[in-house]
């Protein structure tokens, strides 16, 4: 193998070992995904509420 390929494989193995040995083990990724899900639900709720408000406003008879 070339020296570059050997160096890259060694670096990947070292980083993999460091990730595997950490205590949180993906806690940050889980937090980001849960936060993104909550934001998506909040946006859906805002869209539904604004659609109801616009429909009620359009139903008003001003004349």
PDB file of N, CA and C in Angstrom:
ATOM      1  N   UNK A   1       0.837  -1.184   0.000  1.00  0.00           N
ATOM      2  CA  UNK A   1       0.000   0.000   0.000  1.00  0.00           C
ATOM      3  C   UNK A   1       0.880   1.246   0.000  1.00  0.00           C
ATOM      4  N   UNK A   2       0.327   2.287  -0.500  1.00  0.00           N
ATOM      5  CA  UNK A   2       1.103   3.523  -0.505  1.00  0.00           C
ATOM      6  C   UNK A   2       1.114   4.138   0.891  1.00  0.00           C
ATOM      7  N   UNK A   3       2.037   5.018   1.106  1.00  0.00           N
ATOM      8  CA  UNK A   3       2.177   5.666   2.410  1.00  0.00           C
ATOM      9  C   UNK A   3       0.950   6.525   2.707  1.00  0.00           C
ATOM     10  N   UNK A   4       0.433   7.201   1.691  1.00  0.00           N
ATOM     11  CA  UNK A   4      -0.738   8.054   1.885  1.00  0.00           C
ATOM     12  C   UNK A   4      -1.949   7.234   2.314  1.00  0.00           C
ATOM     13  N   UNK A   5      -2.195   6.123   1.639  1.00  0.00           N
ATOM     14  CA  UNK A   5      -3.332   5.271   1.981  1.00  0.00           C
ATOM     15  C   UNK A   5      -3.190   4.700   3.387  1.00  0.00           C
ATOM     16  N   UNK A   6      -1.993   4.286   3.745  1.00  0.00           N
ATOM     17  CA  UNK A   6      -1.746   3.771   5.091  1.00  0.00           C
ATOM     18  C   UNK A   6      -1.996   4.853   6.138  1.00  0.00           C
ATOM     19  N   UNK A   7      -1.551   6.055   5.850  1.00  0.00           N
ATOM     20  CA  UNK A   7      -1.761   7.175   6.770  1.00  0.00           C
ATOM     21  C   UNK A   7      -3.252   7.475   6.926  1.00  0.00           C
ATOM     22  N   UNK A   8      -3.998   7.476   5.830  1.00  0.00           N
ATOM     23  CA  UNK A   8      -5.434   7.741   5.891  1.00  0.00           C
ATOM     24  C   UNK A   8      -6.166   6.669   6.688  1.00  0.00           C
ATOM     25  N   UNK A   9      -5.842   5.425   6.460  1.00  0.00           N
ATOM     26  CA  UNK A   9      -6.489   4.330   7.191  1.00  0.00           C
ATOM     27  C   UNK A   9      -6.173   4.424   8.679  1.00  0.00           C
ATOM     28  N   UNK A  10      -4.935   4.738   9.011  1.00  0.00           N
ATOM     29  CA  UNK A  10      -4.556   4.890  10.416  1.00  0.00           C
ATOM     30  C   UNK A  10      -5.320   6.040  11.068  1.00  0.00           C
ATOM     31  N   UNK A  11      -5.447   7.137  10.357  1.00  0.00           N
ATOM     32  CA  UNK A  11      -6.193   8.282  10.886  1.00  0.00           C
ATOM     33  C   UNK A  11      -7.659   7.962  11.100  1.00  0.00           C
ATOM     34  N   UNK A  12      -8.255   7.253  10.154  1.00  0.00           N
ATOM     35  CA  UNK A  12      -9.663   6.875  10.286  1.00  0.00           C
ATOM     36  C   UNK A  12      -9.859   5.940  11.470  1.00  0.00           C
ATOM     37  N   UNK A  13      -8.967   4.980  11.621  1.00  0.00           N
ATOM     38  CA  UNK A  13      -9.069   4.055  12.759  1.00  0.00           C
ATOM     39  C   UNK A  13      -8.923   4.794  14.084  1.00  0.00           C
ATOM     40  N   UNK A  14      -8.004   5.753  14.155  1.00  0.00           N
ATOM     41  CA  UNK A  14      -7.798   6.518  15.383  1.00  0.00           C
ATOM     42  C   UNK A  14      -9.045   7.337  15.725  1.00  0.00           C
ATOM     43  N   UNK A  15      -9.627   7.976  14.723  1.00  0.00           N
ATOM     44  CA  UNK A  15     -10.837   8.766  14.967  1.00  0.00           C
ATOM     45  C   UNK A  15     -12.013   7.873  15.352  1.00  0.00           C
ATOM     46  N   UNK A  16     -12.134   6.719  14.700  1.00  0.00           N
ATOM     47  CA  UNK A  16     -13.213   5.780  15.018  1.00  0.00           C
ATOM     48  C   UNK A  16     -13.095   5.315  16.468  1.00  0.00           C
ATOM     49  N   UNK A  17     -11.868   5.020  16.898  1.00  0.00           N
ATOM     50  CA  UNK A  17     -11.633   4.596  18.275  1.00  0.00           C
ATOM     51  C   UNK A  17     -11.991   5.714  19.248  1.00  0.00           C
ATOM     52  N   UNK A  18     -11.657   6.953  18.901  1.00  0.00           N
ATOM     53  CA  UNK A  18     -11.967   8.087  19.773  1.00  0.00           C
ATOM     54  C   UNK A  18     -13.471   8.295  19.884  1.00  0.00           C
ATOM     55  N   UNK A  19     -14.186   8.149  18.779  1.00  0.00           N
ATOM     56  CA  UNK A  19     -15.644   8.300  18.803  1.00  0.00           C
ATOM     57  C   UNK A  19     -16.282   7.183  19.617  1.00  0.00           C
ATOM     58  N   UNK A  20     -15.795   5.982  19.440  1.00  0.00           N
ATOM     59  CA  UNK A  20     -16.352   4.830  20.138  1.00  0.00           C
ATOM     60  C   UNK A  20     -16.110   4.906  21.639  1.00  0.00           C
ATOM     61  N   UNK A  21     -15.013   5.524  22.050  1.00  0.00           N
ATOM     62  CA  UNK A  21     -14.662   5.591  23.466  1.00  0.00           C
ATOM     63  C   UNK A  21     -15.316   6.754  24.208  1.00  0.00           C
ATOM     64  N   UNK A  22     -15.988   7.654  23.512  1.00  0.00           N
ATOM     65  CA  UNK A  22     -16.619   8.783  24.193  1.00  0.00           C
ATOM     66  C   UNK A  22     -17.863   8.318  24.936  1.00  0.00           C
ATOM     67  N   UNK A  23     -18.179   9.026  25.992  1.00  0.00           N
ATOM     68  CA  UNK A  23     -19.296   8.622  26.848  1.00  0.00           C
ATOM     69  C   UNK A  23     -20.652   8.977  26.249  1.00  0.00           C
ATOM     70  N   UNK A  24     -20.726  10.069  25.481  1.00  0.00           N
ATOM     71  CA  UNK A  24     -22.033  10.483  24.980  1.00  0.00           C
ATOM     72  C   UNK A  24     -22.549   9.589  23.862  1.00  0.00           C
ATOM     73  N   UNK A  25     -21.681   9.027  23.056  1.00  0.00           N
ATOM     74  CA  UNK A  25     -22.014   8.039  22.022  1.00  0.00           C
ATOM     75  C   UNK A  25     -23.189   8.462  21.142  1.00  0.00           C
ATOM     76  N   UNK A  26     -23.121   9.654  20.586  1.00  0.00           N
ATOM     77  CA  UNK A  26     -24.148  10.098  19.652  1.00  0.00           C
ATOM     78  C   UNK A  26     -25.255  10.909  20.288  1.00  0.00           C
ATOM     79  N   UNK A  27     -25.095  11.329  21.521  1.00  0.00           N
ATOM     80  CA  UNK A  27     -26.131  12.102  22.198  1.00  0.00           C
ATOM     81  C   UNK A  27     -26.390  13.413  21.470  1.00  0.00           C
ATOM     82  N   UNK A  28     -25.353  14.039  20.946  1.00  0.00           N
ATOM     83  CA  UNK A  28     -25.509  15.302  20.241  1.00  0.00           C
ATOM     84  C   UNK A  28     -26.352  15.124  18.992  1.00  0.00           C
ATOM     85  N   UNK A  29     -26.126  14.062  18.254  1.00  0.00           N
ATOM     86  CA  UNK A  29     -26.913  13.795  17.052  1.00  0.00           C
ATOM     87  C   UNK A  29     -28.371  13.576  17.409  1.00  0.00           C
ATOM     88  N   UNK A  30     -28.621  12.845  18.465  1.00  0.00           N
ATOM     89  CA  UNK A  30     -29.994  12.603  18.902  1.00  0.00           C
ATOM     90  C   UNK A  30     -30.672  13.912  19.291  1.00  0.00           C
ATOM     91  N   UNK A  31     -29.951  14.778  19.980  1.00  0.00           N
ATOM     92  CA  UNK A  31     -30.500  16.063  20.390  1.00  0.00           C
ATOM     93  C   UNK A  31     -30.844  16.920  19.180  1.00  0.00           C
ATOM     94  N   UNK A  32     -29.984  16.939  18.195  1.00  0.00           N
ATOM     95  CA  UNK A  32     -30.236  17.722  16.981  1.00  0.00           C
ATOM     96  C   UNK A  32     -31.468  17.193  16.252  1.00  0.00           C
ATOM     97  N   UNK A  33     -31.598  15.883  16.146  1.00  0.00           N
ATOM     98  CA  UNK A  33     -32.747  15.310  15.453  1.00  0.00           C
ATOM     99  C   UNK A  33     -34.053  15.590  16.188  1.00  0.00           C
ATOM    100  N   UNK A  34     -34.054  15.477  17.501  1.00  0.00           N
ATOM    101  CA  UNK A  34     -35.267  15.761  18.274  1.00  0.00           C
ATOM    102  C   UNK A  34     -35.633  17.235  18.152  1.00  0.00           C
ATOM    103  N   UNK A  35     -34.643  18.111  18.202  1.00  0.00           N
ATOM    104  CA  UNK A  35     -34.902  19.542  18.052  1.00  0.00           C
ATOM    105  C   UNK A  35     -35.470  19.854  16.671  1.00  0.00           C
ATOM    106  N   UNK A  36     -34.926  19.236  15.637  1.00  0.00           N
ATOM    107  CA  UNK A  36     -35.436  19.451  14.280  1.00  0.00           C
ATOM    108  C   UNK A  36     -36.873  18.955  14.155  1.00  0.00           C
ATOM    109  N   UNK A  37     -37.192  17.837  14.779  1.00  0.00           N
ATOM    110  CA  UNK A  37     -38.562  17.323  14.752  1.00  0.00           C
ATOM    111  C   UNK A  37     -39.515  18.279  15.457  1.00  0.00           C
ATOM    112  N   UNK A  38     -39.105  18.812  16.598  1.00  0.00           N
ATOM    113  CA  UNK A  38     -39.950  19.764  17.317  1.00  0.00           C
ATOM    114  C   UNK A  38     -40.154  21.050  16.521  1.00  0.00           C
ATOM    115  N   UNK A  39     -39.127  21.512  15.844  1.00  0.00           N
ATOM    116  CA  UNK A  39     -39.255  22.710  15.007  1.00  0.00           C
ATOM    117  C   UNK A  39     -40.217  22.450  13.857  1.00  0.00           C
ATOM    118  N   UNK A  40     -40.129  21.276  13.238  1.00  0.00           N
ATOM    119  CA  UNK A  40     -41.037  20.936  12.139  1.00  0.00           C
ATOM    120  C   UNK A  40     -42.481  20.878  12.628  1.00  0.00           C
ATOM    121  N   UNK A  41     -42.703  20.308  13.804  1.00  0.00           N
ATOM    122  CA  UNK A  41     -44.057  20.261  14.364  1.00  0.00           C
ATOM    123  C   UNK A  41     -44.573  21.661  14.684  1.00  0.00           C
ATOM    124  N   UNK A  42     -43.710  22.523  15.201  1.00  0.00           N
ATOM    125  CA  UNK A  42     -44.113  23.893  15.501  1.00  0.00           C
ATOM    126  C   UNK A  42     -44.470  24.646  14.227  1.00  0.00           C
ATOM    127  N   UNK A  43     -43.698  24.464  13.172  1.00  0.00           N
ATOM    128  CA  UNK A  43     -44.013  25.121  11.897  1.00  0.00           C
ATOM    129  C   UNK A  43     -45.326  24.618  11.320  1.00  0.00           C
ATOM    130  N   UNK A  44     -45.592  23.328  11.449  1.00  0.00           N
ATOM    131  CA  UNK A  44     -46.862  22.776  10.968  1.00  0.00           C
ATOM    132  C   UNK A  44     -48.028  23.351  11.760  1.00  0.00           C
ATOM    133  N   UNK A  45     -47.865  23.492  13.067  1.00  0.00           N
ATOM    134  CA  UNK A  45     -48.926  24.065  13.893  1.00  0.00           C
ATOM    135  C   UNK A  45     -49.170  25.526  13.532  1.00  0.00           C
ATOM    136  N   UNK A  46     -48.110  26.283  13.318  1.00  0.00           N
ATOM    137  CA  UNK A  46     -48.252  27.689  12.925  1.00  0.00           C
ATOM    138  C   UNK A  46     -48.948  27.798  11.578  1.00  0.00           C
ATOM    139  N   UNK A  47     -48.604  26.930  10.641  1.00  0.00           N
ATOM    140  CA  UNK A  47     -49.248  26.955   9.322  1.00  0.00           C
ATOM    141  C   UNK A  47     -50.730  26.640   9.437  1.00  0.00           C
ATOM    142  N   UNK A  48     -51.095  25.671  10.260  1.00  0.00           N
ATOM    143  CA  UNK A  48     -52.503  25.308  10.423  1.00  0.00           C
ATOM    144  C   UNK A  48     -53.282  26.440  11.081  1.00  0.00           C
ATOM    145  N   UNK A  49     -52.713  27.039  12.112  1.00  0.00           N
ATOM    146  CA  UNK A  49     -53.395  28.135  12.805  1.00  0.00           C
ATOM    147  C   UNK A  49     -53.535  29.344  11.895  1.00  0.00           C
ATOM    148  N   UNK A  50     -52.502  29.668  11.137  1.00  0.00           N
ATOM    149  CA  UNK A  50     -52.591  30.826  10.242  1.00  0.00           C
ATOM    150  C   UNK A  50     -53.598  30.579   9.125  1.00  0.00           C
ATOM    151  N   UNK A  51     -53.724  29.349   8.656  1.00  0.00           N
ATOM    152  CA  UNK A  51     -54.729  29.045   7.632  1.00  0.00           C
ATOM    153  C   UNK A  51     -56.133  29.236   8.186  1.00  0.00           C
ATOM    154  N   UNK A  52     -56.353  28.841   9.423  1.00  0.00           N
ATOM    155  CA  UNK A  52     -57.667  29.031  10.052  1.00  0.00           C
ATOM    156  C   UNK A  52     -57.962  30.513  10.226  1.00  0.00           C
ATOM    157  N   UNK A  53     -56.984  31.289  10.660  1.00  0.00           N
ATOM    158  CA  UNK A  53     -57.180  32.726  10.869  1.00  0.00           C
ATOM    159  C   UNK A  53     -57.462  33.428   9.550  1.00  0.00           C
ATOM    160  N   UNK A  54     -56.735  33.088   8.504  1.00  0.00           N
ATOM    161  CA  UNK A  54     -56.956  33.709   7.194  1.00  0.00           C
ATOM    162  C   UNK A  54     -58.336  33.341   6.662  1.00  0.00           C
ATOM    163  N   UNK A  55     -58.765  32.108   6.850  1.00  0.00           N
ATOM    164  CA  UNK A  55     -60.096  31.694   6.396  1.00  0.00           C
ATOM    165  C   UNK A  55     -61.183  32.464   7.138  1.00  0.00           C
ATOM    166  N   UNK A  56     -61.026  32.649   8.446  1.00  0.00           N
ATOM    167  CA  UNK A  56     -62.007  33.423   9.226  1.00  0.00           C
ATOM    168  C   UNK A  56     -62.004  34.885   8.785  1.00  0.00           C
ATOM    169  N   UNK A  57     -60.826  35.448   8.517  1.00  0.00           N
ATOM    170  CA  UNK A  57     -60.742  36.843   8.089  1.00  0.00           C
ATOM    171  C   UNK A  57     -61.378  37.028   6.720  1.00  0.00           C
ATOM    172  N   UNK A  58     -61.200  36.074   5.834  1.00  0.00           N
ATOM    173  CA  UNK A  58     -61.808  36.178   4.514  1.00  0.00           C
ATOM    174  C   UNK A  58     -63.316  35.991   4.566  1.00  0.00           C
ATOM    175  N   UNK A  59     -63.827  35.347   5.602  1.00  0.00           N
ATOM    176  CA  UNK A  59     -65.264  35.117   5.719  1.00  0.00           C
ATOM    177  C   UNK A  59     -66.000  36.325   6.294  1.00  0.00           C
ATOM    178  N   UNK A  60     -65.284  37.312   6.804  1.00  0.00           N
ATOM    179  CA  UNK A  60     -65.933  38.494   7.366  1.00  0.00           C
ATOM    180  C   UNK A  60     -66.606  39.308   6.264  1.00  0.00           C
ATOM    181  N   UNK A  61     -67.813  39.766   6.560  1.00  0.00           N
ATOM    182  CA  UNK A  61     -68.544  40.606   5.609  1.00  0.00           C
ATOM    183  C   UNK A  61     -68.398  42.058   6.052  1.00  0.00           C
ATOM    184  N   UNK A  62     -67.657  42.827   5.305  1.00  0.00           N
ATOM    185  CA  UNK A  62     -67.385  44.210   5.675  1.00  0.00           C
ATOM    186  C   UNK A  62     -68.302  45.203   4.965  1.00  0.00           C
ATOM    187  N   UNK A  63     -69.173  44.720   4.156  1.00  0.00           N
ATOM    188  CA  UNK A  63     -69.923  45.652   3.363  1.00  0.00           C
ATOM    189  C   UNK A  63     -71.342  45.649   3.601  1.00  0.00           C
TER     190      UNK A  63
END
